[in-house]
Amino acid sequence: MEDLKVVHKSEIELQGDRYEVTVYCREDGKHFAETHFTPEDIIIHDGDSLEEVLQKHEKLLPLAITSRRVVREVRDLSP
């Protein structure tokens, strides 16, 4: 299993909820950010640097949150 190092951890508030963002650095120097919605539902973005992966994650995380909310609303309206 690859050695991963946590290089950044923060919380972001979006649409009234708080989400934890954790960024790891791989052995090869590449980075990836992840946010857990549930143990089975995780969004991950990767990039060459901490800055790149954070920019990507912060840009796309709101889309992931919105799409999950829409799916829940549709399920709640289904007969």
PDB file of N, CA and C in Angstrom:
ATOM      1  N   MET A   1       0.835  -1.175   0.000  1.00  0.00           N
ATOM      2  CA  MET A   1       0.000   0.000   0.000  1.00  0.00           C
ATOM      3  C   MET A   1       0.886   1.246   0.000  1.00  0.00           C
ATOM      4  N   GLU A   2       0.493   2.227  -0.771  1.00  0.00           N
ATOM      5  CA  GLU A   2       1.257   3.450  -0.932  1.00  0.00           C
ATOM      6  C   GLU A   2       1.253   4.297   0.348  1.00  0.00           C
ATOM      7  N   ASP A   3       2.399   4.914   0.632  1.00  0.00           N
ATOM      8  CA  ASP A   3       2.490   5.828   1.769  1.00  0.00           C
ATOM      9  C   ASP A   3       1.845   7.156   1.396  1.00  0.00           C
ATOM     10  N   LEU A   4       0.912   7.627   2.217  1.00  0.00           N
ATOM     11  CA  LEU A   4       0.249   8.901   1.993  1.00  0.00           C
ATOM     12  C   LEU A   4       0.535   9.810   3.175  1.00  0.00           C
ATOM     13  N   LYS A   5       0.718  11.088   2.887  1.00  0.00           N
ATOM     14  CA  LYS A   5       0.969  12.062   3.939  1.00  0.00           C
ATOM     15  C   LYS A   5      -0.110  13.140   3.870  1.00  0.00           C
ATOM     16  N   VAL A   6      -0.766  13.414   5.000  1.00  0.00           N
ATOM     17  CA  VAL A   6      -1.740  14.498   5.058  1.00  0.00           C
ATOM     18  C   VAL A   6      -0.965  15.808   5.035  1.00  0.00           C
ATOM     19  N   VAL A   7      -1.265  16.661   4.040  1.00  0.00           N
ATOM     20  CA  VAL A   7      -0.559  17.932   3.914  1.00  0.00           C
ATOM     21  C   VAL A   7      -1.483  19.134   4.156  1.00  0.00           C
ATOM     22  N   HIS A   8      -2.774  18.875   4.239  1.00  0.00           N
ATOM     23  CA  HIS A   8      -3.719  19.962   4.482  1.00  0.00           C
ATOM     24  C   HIS A   8      -5.038  19.373   4.961  1.00  0.00           C
ATOM     25  N   LYS A   9      -5.636  20.050   5.938  1.00  0.00           N
ATOM     26  CA  LYS A   9      -6.952  19.642   6.408  1.00  0.00           C
ATOM     27  C   LYS A   9      -7.693  20.913   6.791  1.00  0.00           C
ATOM     28  N   SER A  10      -8.920  21.056   6.286  1.00  0.00           N
ATOM     29  CA  SER A  10      -9.709  22.237   6.610  1.00  0.00           C
ATOM     30  C   SER A  10     -11.183  21.907   6.476  1.00  0.00           C
ATOM     31  N   GLU A  11     -12.005  22.848   6.902  1.00  0.00           N
ATOM     32  CA  GLU A  11     -13.449  22.724   6.717  1.00  0.00           C
ATOM     33  C   GLU A  11     -13.901  23.858   5.826  1.00  0.00           C
ATOM     34  N   ILE A  12     -14.903  23.574   5.025  1.00  0.00           N
ATOM     35  CA  ILE A  12     -15.474  24.575   4.138  1.00  0.00           C
ATOM     36  C   ILE A  12     -16.982  24.579   4.368  1.00  0.00           C
ATOM     37  N   GLU A  13     -17.575  25.758   4.417  1.00  0.00           N
ATOM     38  CA  GLU A  13     -19.012  25.859   4.574  1.00  0.00           C
ATOM     39  C   GLU A  13     -19.630  26.145   3.218  1.00  0.00           C
ATOM     40  N   LEU A  14     -20.558  25.296   2.828  1.00  0.00           N
ATOM     41  CA  LEU A  14     -21.253  25.434   1.551  1.00  0.00           C
ATOM     42  C   LEU A  14     -22.722  25.123   1.756  1.00  0.00           C
ATOM     43  N   GLN A  15     -23.559  26.004   1.258  1.00  0.00           N
ATOM     44  CA  GLN A  15     -25.003  25.798   1.287  1.00  0.00           C
ATOM     45  C   GLN A  15     -25.497  25.472   2.700  1.00  0.00           C
ATOM     46  N   GLY A  16     -24.910  26.121   3.693  1.00  0.00           N
ATOM     47  CA  GLY A  16     -25.359  25.960   5.071  1.00  0.00           C
ATOM     48  C   GLY A  16     -24.809  24.761   5.814  1.00  0.00           C
ATOM     49  N   ASP A  17     -24.001  23.955   5.181  1.00  0.00           N
ATOM     50  CA  ASP A  17     -23.397  22.792   5.837  1.00  0.00           C
ATOM     51  C   ASP A  17     -21.881  22.918   5.794  1.00  0.00           C
ATOM     52  N   ARG A  18     -21.222  22.228   6.729  1.00  0.00           N
ATOM     53  CA  ARG A  18     -19.762  22.236   6.796  1.00  0.00           C
ATOM     54  C   ARG A  18     -19.225  20.883   6.308  1.00  0.00           C
ATOM     55  N   TYR A  19     -18.155  20.959   5.524  1.00  0.00           N
ATOM     56  CA  TYR A  19     -17.554  19.755   4.954  1.00  0.00           C
ATOM     57  C   TYR A  19     -16.053  19.791   5.215  1.00  0.00           C
ATOM     58  N   GLU A  20     -15.507  18.651   5.584  1.00  0.00           N
ATOM     59  CA  GLU A  20     -14.070  18.547   5.809  1.00  0.00           C
ATOM     60  C   GLU A  20     -13.369  18.193   4.507  1.00  0.00           C
ATOM     61  N   VAL A  21     -12.286  18.900   4.234  1.00  0.00           N
ATOM     62  CA  VAL A  21     -11.451  18.641   3.057  1.00  0.00           C
ATOM     63  C   VAL A  21     -10.084  18.200   3.563  1.00  0.00           C
ATOM     64  N   THR A  22      -9.646  17.038   3.122  1.00  0.00           N
ATOM     65  CA  THR A  22      -8.325  16.528   3.488  1.00  0.00           C
ATOM     66  C   THR A  22      -7.523  16.336   2.207  1.00  0.00           C
ATOM     67  N   VAL A  23      -6.297  16.861   2.209  1.00  0.00           N
ATOM     68  CA  VAL A  23      -5.424  16.718   1.039  1.00  0.00           C
ATOM     69  C   VAL A  23      -4.238  15.864   1.443  1.00  0.00           C
ATOM     70  N   TYR A  24      -3.943  14.897   0.600  1.00  0.00           N
ATOM     71  CA  TYR A  24      -2.824  13.970   0.807  1.00  0.00           C
ATOM     72  C   TYR A  24      -1.786  14.170  -0.286  1.00  0.00           C
ATOM     73  N   CYS A  25      -0.544  13.859   0.053  1.00  0.00           N
ATOM     74  CA  CYS A  25       0.532  13.821  -0.927  1.00  0.00           C
ATOM     75  C   CYS A  25       0.961  12.362  -1.069  1.00  0.00           C
ATOM     76  N   ARG A  26       1.043  11.915  -2.316  1.00  0.00           N
ATOM     77  CA  ARG A  26       1.497  10.553  -2.595  1.00  0.00           C
ATOM     78  C   ARG A  26       3.028  10.502  -2.629  1.00  0.00           C
ATOM     79  N   GLU A  27       3.549   9.303  -2.663  1.00  0.00           N
ATOM     80  CA  GLU A  27       5.002   9.111  -2.736  1.00  0.00           C
ATOM     81  C   GLU A  27       5.611   9.777  -3.968  1.00  0.00           C
ATOM     82  N   ASP A  28       4.850   9.834  -5.072  1.00  0.00           N
ATOM     83  CA  ASP A  28       5.357  10.421  -6.312  1.00  0.00           C
ATOM     84  C   ASP A  28       5.218  11.940  -6.367  1.00  0.00           C
ATOM     85  N   GLY A  29       4.748  12.557  -5.278  1.00  0.00           N
ATOM     86  CA  GLY A  29       4.619  14.007  -5.230  1.00  0.00           C
ATOM     87  C   GLY A  29       3.277  14.546  -5.691  1.00  0.00           C
ATOM     88  N   LYS A  30       2.433  13.700  -6.269  1.00  0.00           N
ATOM     89  CA  LYS A  30       1.090  14.108  -6.687  1.00  0.00           C
ATOM     90  C   LYS A  30       0.212  14.258  -5.448  1.00  0.00           C
ATOM     91  N   HIS A  31      -0.823  15.062  -5.562  1.00  0.00           N
ATOM     92  CA  HIS A  31      -1.727  15.328  -4.455  1.00  0.00           C
ATOM     93  C   HIS A  31      -3.147  14.911  -4.810  1.00  0.00           C
ATOM     94  N   PHE A  32      -3.942  14.627  -3.783  1.00  0.00           N
ATOM     95  CA  PHE A  32      -5.376  14.455  -3.995  1.00  0.00           C
ATOM     96  C   PHE A  32      -6.134  14.931  -2.773  1.00  0.00           C
ATOM     97  N   ALA A  33      -7.309  15.490  -3.046  1.00  0.00           N
ATOM     98  CA  ALA A  33      -8.182  15.999  -1.986  1.00  0.00           C
ATOM     99  C   ALA A  33      -9.410  15.121  -1.930  1.00  0.00           C
ATOM    100  N   GLU A  34      -9.914  14.939  -0.724  1.00  0.00           N
ATOM    101  CA  GLU A  34     -11.136  14.150  -0.586  1.00  0.00           C
ATOM    102  C   GLU A  34     -12.049  14.762   0.454  1.00  0.00           C
ATOM    103  N   THR A  35     -13.334  14.586   0.227  1.00  0.00           N
ATOM    104  CA  THR A  35     -14.375  14.974   1.171  1.00  0.00           C
ATOM    105  C   THR A  35     -15.333  13.806   1.270  1.00  0.00           C
ATOM    106  N   HIS A  36     -15.602  13.382   2.507  1.00  0.00           N
ATOM    107  CA  HIS A  36     -16.511  12.270   2.767  1.00  0.00           C
ATOM    108  C   HIS A  36     -17.906  12.822   3.047  1.00  0.00           C
ATOM    109  N   PHE A  37     -18.870  12.398   2.255  1.00  0.00           N
ATOM    110  CA  PHE A  37     -20.268  12.714   2.535  1.00  0.00           C
ATOM    111  C   PHE A  37     -20.838  11.650   3.470  1.00  0.00           C
ATOM    112  N   THR A  38     -20.539  10.414   3.157  1.00  0.00           N
ATOM    113  CA  THR A  38     -20.848   9.251   3.986  1.00  0.00           C
ATOM    114  C   THR A  38     -19.657   8.308   3.821  1.00  0.00           C
ATOM    115  N   PRO A  39     -19.575   7.241   4.621  1.00  0.00           N
ATOM    116  CA  PRO A  39     -18.453   6.308   4.422  1.00  0.00           C
ATOM    117  C   PRO A  39     -18.404   5.709   3.010  1.00  0.00           C
ATOM    118  N   GLU A  40     -19.553   5.630   2.348  1.00  0.00           N
ATOM    119  CA  GLU A  40     -19.596   5.052   1.003  1.00  0.00           C
ATOM    120  C   GLU A  40     -19.599   6.108  -0.100  1.00  0.00           C
ATOM    121  N   ASP A  41     -19.674   7.371   0.249  1.00  0.00           N
ATOM    122  CA  ASP A  41     -19.791   8.449  -0.735  1.00  0.00           C
ATOM    123  C   ASP A  41     -18.698   9.483  -0.489  1.00  0.00           C
ATOM    124  N   ILE A  42     -17.662   9.412  -1.324  1.00  0.00           N
ATOM    125  CA  ILE A  42     -16.485  10.266  -1.167  1.00  0.00           C
ATOM    126  C   ILE A  42     -16.199  10.931  -2.499  1.00  0.00           C
ATOM    127  N   ILE A  43     -15.934  12.237  -2.464  1.00  0.00           N
ATOM    128  CA  ILE A  43     -15.520  12.922  -3.687  1.00  0.00           C
ATOM    129  C   ILE A  43     -14.016  13.146  -3.604  1.00  0.00           C
ATOM    130  N   ILE A  44     -13.315  12.843  -4.699  1.00  0.00           N
ATOM    131  CA  ILE A  44     -11.856  12.927  -4.741  1.00  0.00           C
ATOM    132  C   ILE A  44     -11.442  13.675  -5.998  1.00  0.00           C
ATOM    133  N   HIS A  45     -10.488  14.577  -5.845  1.00  0.00           N
ATOM    134  CA  HIS A  45      -9.876  15.268  -6.982  1.00  0.00           C
ATOM    135  C   HIS A  45      -8.372  15.153  -6.839  1.00  0.00           C
ATOM    136  N   ASP A  46      -7.683  15.025  -7.966  1.00  0.00           N
ATOM    137  CA  ASP A  46      -6.232  14.930  -7.892  1.00  0.00           C
ATOM    138  C   ASP A  46      -5.587  16.030  -8.707  1.00  0.00           C
ATOM    139  N   GLY A  47      -4.301  16.252  -8.427  1.00  0.00           N
ATOM    140  CA  GLY A  47      -3.550  17.277  -9.139  1.00  0.00           C
ATOM    141  C   GLY A  47      -2.075  17.165  -8.845  1.00  0.00           C
ATOM    142  N   ASP A  48      -1.310  18.034  -9.493  1.00  0.00           N
ATOM    143  CA  ASP A  48       0.144  17.994  -9.351  1.00  0.00           C
ATOM    144  C   ASP A  48       0.650  18.716  -8.105  1.00  0.00           C
ATOM    145  N   SER A  49      -0.177  19.627  -7.548  1.00  0.00           N
ATOM    146  CA  SER A  49       0.268  20.393  -6.390  1.00  0.00           C
ATOM    147  C   SER A  49      -0.880  20.595  -5.417  1.00  0.00           C
ATOM    148  N   LEU A  50      -0.543  21.004  -4.214  1.00  0.00           N
ATOM    149  CA  LEU A  50      -1.556  21.309  -3.210  1.00  0.00           C
ATOM    150  C   LEU A  50      -2.493  22.403  -3.724  1.00  0.00           C
ATOM    151  N   GLU A  51      -1.929  23.454  -4.287  1.00  0.00           N
ATOM    152  CA  GLU A  51      -2.733  24.567  -4.778  1.00  0.00           C
ATOM    153  C   GLU A  51      -3.691  24.131  -5.878  1.00  0.00           C
ATOM    154  N   GLU A  52      -3.193  23.334  -6.816  1.00  0.00           N
ATOM    155  CA  GLU A  52      -4.026  22.871  -7.931  1.00  0.00           C
ATOM    156  C   GLU A  52      -5.194  22.017  -7.437  1.00  0.00           C
ATOM    157  N   VAL A  53      -4.906  21.099  -6.547  1.00  0.00           N
ATOM    158  CA  VAL A  53      -5.955  20.189  -6.083  1.00  0.00           C
ATOM    159  C   VAL A  53      -6.978  20.935  -5.228  1.00  0.00           C
ATOM    160  N   LEU A  54      -6.546  21.909  -4.434  1.00  0.00           N
ATOM    161  CA  LEU A  54      -7.499  22.692  -3.647  1.00  0.00           C
ATOM    162  C   LEU A  54      -8.392  23.548  -4.541  1.00  0.00           C
ATOM    163  N   GLN A  55      -7.819  24.152  -5.561  1.00  0.00           N
ATOM    164  CA  GLN A  55      -8.622  24.946  -6.495  1.00  0.00           C
ATOM    165  C   GLN A  55      -9.668  24.080  -7.181  1.00  0.00           C
ATOM    166  N   LYS A  56      -9.258  22.924  -7.634  1.00  0.00           N
ATOM    167  CA  LYS A  56     -10.170  22.006  -8.310  1.00  0.00           C
ATOM    168  C   LYS A  56     -11.274  21.541  -7.360  1.00  0.00           C
ATOM    169  N   HIS A  57     -10.890  21.161  -6.159  1.00  0.00           N
ATOM    170  CA  HIS A  57     -11.840  20.637  -5.181  1.00  0.00           C
ATOM    171  C   HIS A  57     -12.841  21.714  -4.765  1.00  0.00           C
ATOM    172  N   GLU A  58     -12.358  22.924  -4.493  1.00  0.00           N
ATOM    173  CA  GLU A  58     -13.243  24.001  -4.077  1.00  0.00           C
ATOM    174  C   GLU A  58     -14.181  24.438  -5.191  1.00  0.00           C
ATOM    175  N   LYS A  59     -13.762  24.292  -6.431  1.00  0.00           N
ATOM    176  CA  LYS A  59     -14.611  24.644  -7.576  1.00  0.00           C
ATOM    177  C   LYS A  59     -15.691  23.585  -7.811  1.00  0.00           C
ATOM    178  N   LEU A  60     -15.340  22.315  -7.641  1.00  0.00           N
ATOM    179  CA  LEU A  60     -16.266  21.231  -7.981  1.00  0.00           C
ATOM    180  C   LEU A  60     -17.074  20.700  -6.804  1.00  0.00           C
ATOM    181  N   LEU A  61     -16.638  20.959  -5.582  1.00  0.00           N
ATOM    182  CA  LEU A  61     -17.377  20.482  -4.415  1.00  0.00           C
ATOM    183  C   LEU A  61     -18.813  21.019  -4.371  1.00  0.00           C
ATOM    184  N   PRO A  62     -19.053  22.313  -4.663  1.00  0.00           N
ATOM    185  CA  PRO A  62     -20.446  22.787  -4.666  1.00  0.00           C
ATOM    186  C   PRO A  62     -21.331  22.049  -5.671  1.00  0.00           C
ATOM    187  N   LEU A  63     -20.792  21.693  -6.820  1.00  0.00           N
ATOM    188  CA  LEU A  63     -21.547  20.921  -7.806  1.00  0.00           C
ATOM    189  C   LEU A  63     -21.899  19.543  -7.267  1.00  0.00           C
ATOM    190  N   ALA A  64     -20.962  18.901  -6.604  1.00  0.00           N
ATOM    191  CA  ALA A  64     -21.222  17.576  -6.025  1.00  0.00           C
ATOM    192  C   ALA A  64     -22.298  17.654  -4.950  1.00  0.00           C
ATOM    193  N   ILE A  65     -22.243  18.682  -4.127  1.00  0.00           N
ATOM    194  CA  ILE A  65     -23.237  18.850  -3.063  1.00  0.00           C
ATOM    195  C   ILE A  65     -24.615  19.090  -3.660  1.00  0.00           C
ATOM    196  N   THR A  66     -24.692  19.987  -4.632  1.00  0.00           N
ATOM    197  CA  THR A  66     -25.971  20.295  -5.273  1.00  0.00           C
ATOM    198  C   THR A  66     -26.561  19.072  -5.944  1.00  0.00           C
ATOM    199  N   SER A  67     -25.751  18.302  -6.655  1.00  0.00           N
ATOM    200  CA  SER A  67     -26.278  17.123  -7.352  1.00  0.00           C
ATOM    201  C   SER A  67     -26.802  16.085  -6.363  1.00  0.00           C
ATOM    202  N   ARG A  68     -26.140  15.931  -5.232  1.00  0.00           N
ATOM    203  CA  ARG A  68     -26.617  14.985  -4.223  1.00  0.00           C
ATOM    204  C   ARG A  68     -27.934  15.451  -3.605  1.00  0.00           C
ATOM    205  N   ARG A  69     -28.074  16.750  -3.407  1.00  0.00           N
ATOM    206  CA  ARG A  69     -29.333  17.287  -2.874  1.00  0.00           C
ATOM    207  C   ARG A  69     -30.480  17.100  -3.859  1.00  0.00           C
ATOM    208  N   VAL A  70     -30.219  17.322  -5.124  1.00  0.00           N
ATOM    209  CA  VAL A  70     -31.255  17.131  -6.149  1.00  0.00           C
ATOM    210  C   VAL A  70     -31.706  15.677  -6.173  1.00  0.00           C
ATOM    211  N   VAL A  71     -30.769  14.752  -6.118  1.00  0.00           N
ATOM    212  CA  VAL A  71     -31.117  13.331  -6.114  1.00  0.00           C
ATOM    213  C   VAL A  71     -31.970  12.994  -4.905  1.00  0.00           C
ATOM    214  N   ARG A  72     -31.603  13.504  -3.731  1.00  0.00           N
ATOM    215  CA  ARG A  72     -32.413  13.255  -2.525  1.00  0.00           C
ATOM    216  C   ARG A  72     -33.820  13.815  -2.664  1.00  0.00           C
ATOM    217  N   GLU A  73     -33.926  15.031  -3.205  1.00  0.00           N
ATOM    218  CA  GLU A  73     -35.253  15.645  -3.379  1.00  0.00           C
ATOM    219  C   GLU A  73     -36.111  14.847  -4.344  1.00  0.00           C
ATOM    220  N   VAL A  74     -35.534  14.376  -5.425  1.00  0.00           N
ATOM    221  CA  VAL A  74     -36.285  13.567  -6.392  1.00  0.00           C
ATOM    222  C   VAL A  74     -36.729  12.273  -5.757  1.00  0.00           C
ATOM    223  N   ARG A  75     -35.853  11.634  -5.002  1.00  0.00           N
ATOM    224  CA  ARG A  75     -36.226  10.398  -4.318  1.00  0.00           C
ATOM    225  C   ARG A  75     -37.354  10.624  -3.323  1.00  0.00           C
ATOM    226  N   ASP A  76     -37.301  11.761  -2.616  1.00  0.00           N
ATOM    227  CA  ASP A  76     -38.349  12.078  -1.631  1.00  0.00           C
ATOM    228  C   ASP A  76     -39.691  12.347  -2.295  1.00  0.00           C
ATOM    229  N   LEU A  77     -39.692  12.801  -3.541  1.00  0.00           N
ATOM    230  CA  LEU A  77     -40.930  13.099  -4.266  1.00  0.00           C
ATOM    231  C   LEU A  77     -41.490  11.879  -5.000  1.00  0.00           C
ATOM    232  N   SER A  78     -40.668  10.856  -5.151  1.00  0.00           N
ATOM    233  CA  SER A  78     -41.112   9.656  -5.874  1.00  0.00           C
ATOM    234  C   SER A  78     -42.167   8.919  -5.077  1.00  0.00           C
ATOM    235  N   PRO A  79     -43.198   8.403  -5.804  1.00  0.00           N
ATOM    236  CA  PRO A  79     -44.270   7.662  -5.093  1.00  0.00           C
ATOM    237  C   PRO A  79     -43.795   6.342  -4.533  1.00  0.00           C
TER     238      PRO A  79
END
